[in-house]
Amino acid sequence: MEIVRSGGDTALGPAEWFTGTVYIDALALPSGRSRLSANVVRFAPGARTAWHRHPNGQTLFITEGVGLVQRRGGAIERVQAGDRVFFEADEDHWHGASPTRFMTHLALIDVDADGSSATWGPHVSDSDYHAAPAEGR
């Protein structure tokens, strides 16, 4: 058994991965035999990830607010507190807050054998982000 005491610092999401203001609190880091990475991620209105994919997929559990998610080639979908989103292994996608609401999610990732959790791509353009239908905001 291992107890990790709370008190780690909140990190600002790196500009290479995010547009807008995003804060990350690490909950679990891969170590030993565990390949679990878990983070609480808080997005200010309009903030979002760049396009990216995860070698073993990703599960998001929306804990607060209203967000937007999209897989490559799919429609932009609205998500809210209590919703769960699963992206398949290597499915190109992005996610973030709606233009007018904060959004917080718990992100769960099973890193690959080399410890890689994600491959990052280009930022989602403002025009693509704002293409969400009005009811998706």
C-alpha atoms as a PDB file:
ATOM      1  CA  MET A   1       0.000   0.000   0.000  1.00  0.00           C
ATOM      2  CA  GLU A   2       1.140   3.525  -0.760  1.00  0.00           C
ATOM      3  CA  ILE A   3      -0.472   6.722   0.436  1.00  0.00           C
ATOM      4  CA  VAL A   4       0.322   9.854  -1.525  1.00  0.00           C
ATOM      5  CA  ARG A   5      -0.581  12.871   0.550  1.00  0.00           C
ATOM      6  CA  SER A   6      -2.386  15.741  -1.110  1.00  0.00           C
ATOM      7  CA  GLY A   7      -0.659  19.039  -1.580  1.00  0.00           C
ATOM      8  CA  GLY A   8       0.897  18.800  -5.030  1.00  0.00           C
ATOM      9  CA  ASP A   9       0.911  22.045  -6.940  1.00  0.00           C
ATOM     10  CA  THR A  10      -1.601  22.796  -9.652  1.00  0.00           C
ATOM     11  CA  ALA A  11       0.145  23.151 -13.020  1.00  0.00           C
ATOM     12  CA  LEU A  12      -0.757  25.472 -15.841  1.00  0.00           C
ATOM     13  CA  GLY A  13      -1.496  23.492 -19.006  1.00  0.00           C
ATOM     14  CA  PRO A  14       1.344  23.896 -21.524  1.00  0.00           C
ATOM     15  CA  ALA A  15       0.674  26.179 -24.501  1.00  0.00           C
ATOM     16  CA  GLU A  16       1.847  23.405 -26.870  1.00  0.00           C
ATOM     17  CA  TRP A  17      -1.102  21.259 -25.766  1.00  0.00           C
ATOM     18  CA  PHE A  18      -3.844  23.808 -24.993  1.00  0.00           C
ATOM     19  CA  THR A  19      -5.508  26.961 -26.260  1.00  0.00           C
ATOM     20  CA  GLY A  20      -6.676  29.225 -23.429  1.00  0.00           C
ATOM     21  CA  THR A  21      -6.299  28.836 -19.693  1.00  0.00           C
ATOM     22  CA  VAL A  22      -6.162  25.257 -18.419  1.00  0.00           C
ATOM     23  CA  TYR A  23      -5.089  23.934 -15.009  1.00  0.00           C
ATOM     24  CA  ILE A  24      -3.992  20.368 -14.263  1.00  0.00           C
ATOM     25  CA  ASP A  25      -3.828  18.493 -10.960  1.00  0.00           C
ATOM     26  CA  ALA A  26      -2.069  15.126 -11.206  1.00  0.00           C
ATOM     27  CA  LEU A  27      -3.829  12.398  -9.228  1.00  0.00           C
ATOM     28  CA  ALA A  28      -1.967   9.290 -10.348  1.00  0.00           C
ATOM     29  CA  LEU A  29       1.282   8.849 -12.224  1.00  0.00           C
ATOM     30  CA  PRO A  30       2.395   5.561 -13.790  1.00  0.00           C
ATOM     31  CA  SER A  31       4.837   3.749 -11.521  1.00  0.00           C
ATOM     32  CA  GLY A  32       5.907   0.188 -10.994  1.00  0.00           C
ATOM     33  CA  ARG A  33       3.407  -2.116 -12.650  1.00  0.00           C
ATOM     34  CA  SER A  34       0.638   0.489 -12.783  1.00  0.00           C
ATOM     35  CA  ARG A  35       0.245   2.276 -16.126  1.00  0.00           C
ATOM     36  CA  LEU A  36      -2.557   4.553 -14.895  1.00  0.00           C
ATOM     37  CA  SER A  37      -2.312   8.297 -15.413  1.00  0.00           C
ATOM     38  CA  ALA A  38      -5.132  10.324 -13.862  1.00  0.00           C
ATOM     39  CA  ASN A  39      -5.570  14.097 -13.836  1.00  0.00           C
ATOM     40  CA  VAL A  40      -8.205  16.631 -12.902  1.00  0.00           C
ATOM     41  CA  VAL A  41      -8.225  19.198 -15.704  1.00  0.00           C
ATOM     42  CA  ARG A  42      -9.989  22.566 -15.418  1.00  0.00           C
ATOM     43  CA  PHE A  43     -10.767  24.556 -18.577  1.00  0.00           C
ATOM     44  CA  ALA A  44     -11.754  28.238 -18.573  1.00  0.00           C
ATOM     45  CA  PRO A  45     -14.500  29.201 -21.051  1.00  0.00           C
ATOM     46  CA  GLY A  46     -13.189  28.765 -24.598  1.00  0.00           C
ATOM     47  CA  ALA A  47     -10.120  26.749 -23.515  1.00  0.00           C
ATOM     48  CA  ARG A  48      -9.454  23.440 -25.224  1.00  0.00           C
ATOM     49  CA  THR A  49      -6.853  20.837 -26.058  1.00  0.00           C
ATOM     50  CA  ALA A  50      -5.004  20.607 -29.340  1.00  0.00           C
ATOM     51  CA  TRP A  51      -5.820  17.606 -31.528  1.00  0.00           C
ATOM     52  CA  HIS A  52      -4.255  14.543 -29.933  1.00  0.00           C
ATOM     53  CA  ARG A  53      -4.546  10.790 -29.494  1.00  0.00           C
ATOM     54  CA  HIS A  54      -3.724   8.230 -26.808  1.00  0.00           C
ATOM     55  CA  PRO A  55      -2.094   4.864 -27.541  1.00  0.00           C
ATOM     56  CA  ASN A  56      -4.551   2.986 -25.292  1.00  0.00           C
ATOM     57  CA  GLY A  57      -7.497   5.379 -25.408  1.00  0.00           C
ATOM     58  CA  GLN A  58      -8.761   7.862 -22.835  1.00  0.00           C
ATOM     59  CA  THR A  59     -11.753   8.113 -20.530  1.00  0.00           C
ATOM     60  CA  LEU A  60     -13.070  11.512 -19.463  1.00  0.00           C
ATOM     61  CA  PHE A  61     -15.572  11.953 -16.639  1.00  0.00           C
ATOM     62  CA  ILE A  62     -17.078  15.443 -16.671  1.00  0.00           C
ATOM     63  CA  THR A  63     -17.346  16.633 -13.072  1.00  0.00           C
ATOM     64  CA  GLU A  64     -18.408  20.252 -13.539  1.00  0.00           C
ATOM     65  CA  GLY A  65     -19.681  22.667 -16.155  1.00  0.00           C
ATOM     66  CA  VAL A  66     -20.270  22.300 -19.882  1.00  0.00           C
ATOM     67  CA  GLY A  67     -17.752  21.168 -22.460  1.00  0.00           C
ATOM     68  CA  LEU A  68     -17.267  20.241 -26.079  1.00  0.00           C
ATOM     69  CA  VAL A  69     -15.643  17.110 -27.528  1.00  0.00           C
ATOM     70  CA  GLN A  70     -14.913  16.026 -31.069  1.00  0.00           C
ATOM     71  CA  ARG A  71     -13.293  13.078 -32.772  1.00  0.00           C
ATOM     72  CA  ARG A  72     -11.664  13.587 -36.168  1.00  0.00           C
ATOM     73  CA  GLY A  73     -14.393  13.572 -38.822  1.00  0.00           C
ATOM     74  CA  GLY A  74     -17.214  13.635 -36.285  1.00  0.00           C
ATOM     75  CA  ALA A  75     -19.591  16.277 -35.028  1.00  0.00           C
ATOM     76  CA  ILE A  76     -18.747  18.526 -32.083  1.00  0.00           C
ATOM     77  CA  GLU A  77     -20.685  17.140 -29.115  1.00  0.00           C
ATOM     78  CA  ARG A  78     -21.805  18.933 -25.947  1.00  0.00           C
ATOM     79  CA  VAL A  79     -20.979  17.253 -22.623  1.00  0.00           C
ATOM     80  CA  GLN A  80     -21.872  18.224 -19.080  1.00  0.00           C
ATOM     81  CA  ALA A  81     -21.354  17.182 -15.478  1.00  0.00           C
ATOM     82  CA  GLY A  82     -22.017  13.463 -15.049  1.00  0.00           C
ATOM     83  CA  ASP A  83     -21.251  12.537 -18.669  1.00  0.00           C
ATOM     84  CA  ARG A  84     -18.513  10.054 -19.543  1.00  0.00           C
ATOM     85  CA  VAL A  85     -16.576  10.090 -22.824  1.00  0.00           C
ATOM     86  CA  PHE A  86     -14.337   7.292 -24.097  1.00  0.00           C
ATOM     87  CA  PHE A  87     -11.938   7.834 -26.978  1.00  0.00           C
ATOM     88  CA  GLU A  88     -10.669   4.647 -28.627  1.00  0.00           C
ATOM     89  CA  ALA A  89      -6.955   3.866 -28.882  1.00  0.00           C
ATOM     90  CA  ASP A  90      -5.279   6.275 -31.340  1.00  0.00           C
ATOM     91  CA  GLU A  91      -8.564   8.093 -32.047  1.00  0.00           C
ATOM     92  CA  ASP A  92      -7.664  11.681 -32.983  1.00  0.00           C
ATOM     93  CA  HIS A  93      -9.741  14.085 -30.877  1.00  0.00           C
ATOM     94  CA  TRP A  94      -9.944  17.273 -28.814  1.00  0.00           C
ATOM     95  CA  HIS A  95     -11.967  18.404 -25.811  1.00  0.00           C
ATOM     96  CA  GLY A  96     -12.479  21.531 -23.759  1.00  0.00           C
ATOM     97  CA  ALA A  97     -14.877  24.031 -22.240  1.00  0.00           C
ATOM     98  CA  SER A  98     -17.791  25.583 -24.062  1.00  0.00           C
ATOM     99  CA  PRO A  99     -17.332  29.213 -25.148  1.00  0.00           C
ATOM    100  CA  THR A 100     -19.334  30.499 -22.163  1.00  0.00           C
ATOM    101  CA  ARG A 101     -18.881  27.931 -19.365  1.00  0.00           C
ATOM    102  CA  PHE A 102     -16.058  26.426 -17.347  1.00  0.00           C
ATOM    103  CA  MET A 103     -15.581  22.658 -17.605  1.00  0.00           C
ATOM    104  CA  THR A 104     -13.713  20.261 -15.344  1.00  0.00           C
ATOM    105  CA  HIS A 105     -13.033  16.620 -16.098  1.00  0.00           C
ATOM    106  CA  LEU A 106     -11.209  13.657 -14.660  1.00  0.00           C
ATOM    107  CA  ALA A 107      -8.937  12.229 -17.373  1.00  0.00           C
ATOM    108  CA  LEU A 108      -7.933   8.560 -17.116  1.00  0.00           C
ATOM    109  CA  ILE A 109      -5.238   7.186 -19.399  1.00  0.00           C
ATOM    110  CA  ASP A 110      -3.462   3.824 -19.613  1.00  0.00           C
ATOM    111  CA  VAL A 111       0.012   4.758 -20.883  1.00  0.00           C
ATOM    112  CA  ASP A 112       1.795   2.446 -23.314  1.00  0.00           C
ATOM    113  CA  ALA A 113       4.748   0.174 -22.475  1.00  0.00           C
ATOM    114  CA  ASP A 114       7.174   3.044 -23.179  1.00  0.00           C
ATOM    115  CA  GLY A 115       5.307   5.373 -20.798  1.00  0.00           C
ATOM    116  CA  SER A 116       3.788   7.487 -23.579  1.00  0.00           C
ATOM    117  CA  SER A 117       0.360   8.901 -22.772  1.00  0.00           C
ATOM    118  CA  ALA A 118      -0.381  11.018 -25.854  1.00  0.00           C
ATOM    119  CA  THR A 119       0.744  12.194 -29.265  1.00  0.00           C
ATOM    120  CA  TRP A 120      -0.039  15.865 -29.780  1.00  0.00           C
ATOM    121  CA  GLY A 121      -1.029  17.515 -33.046  1.00  0.00           C
ATOM    122  CA  PRO A 122      -2.066  20.973 -34.233  1.00  0.00           C
ATOM    123  CA  HIS A 123      -4.220  23.381 -32.246  1.00  0.00           C
ATOM    124  CA  VAL A 124      -7.947  23.490 -32.952  1.00  0.00           C
ATOM    125  CA  SER A 125      -8.567  26.712 -34.859  1.00  0.00           C
ATOM    126  CA  ASP A 126     -10.999  29.299 -33.518  1.00  0.00           C
ATOM    127  CA  SER A 127     -13.202  28.849 -36.594  1.00  0.00           C
ATOM    128  CA  ASP A 128     -13.336  25.058 -36.141  1.00  0.00           C
ATOM    129  CA  TYR A 129     -14.008  25.428 -32.401  1.00  0.00           C
ATOM    130  CA  HIS A 130     -16.822  27.923 -32.979  1.00  0.00           C
ATOM    131  CA  ALA A 131     -18.408  25.617 -35.578  1.00  0.00           C
ATOM    132  CA  ALA A 132     -20.245  23.900 -32.717  1.00  0.00           C
ATOM    133  CA  PRO A 133     -24.004  24.299 -33.126  1.00  0.00           C
ATOM    134  CA  ALA A 134     -25.630  26.792 -30.735  1.00  0.00           C
ATOM    135  CA  GLU A 135     -27.181  23.989 -28.669  1.00  0.00           C
ATOM    136  CA  GLY A 136     -23.658  22.562 -28.241  1.00  0.00           C
ATOM    137  CA  ARG A 137     -22.586  25.650 -26.335  1.00  0.00           C
END
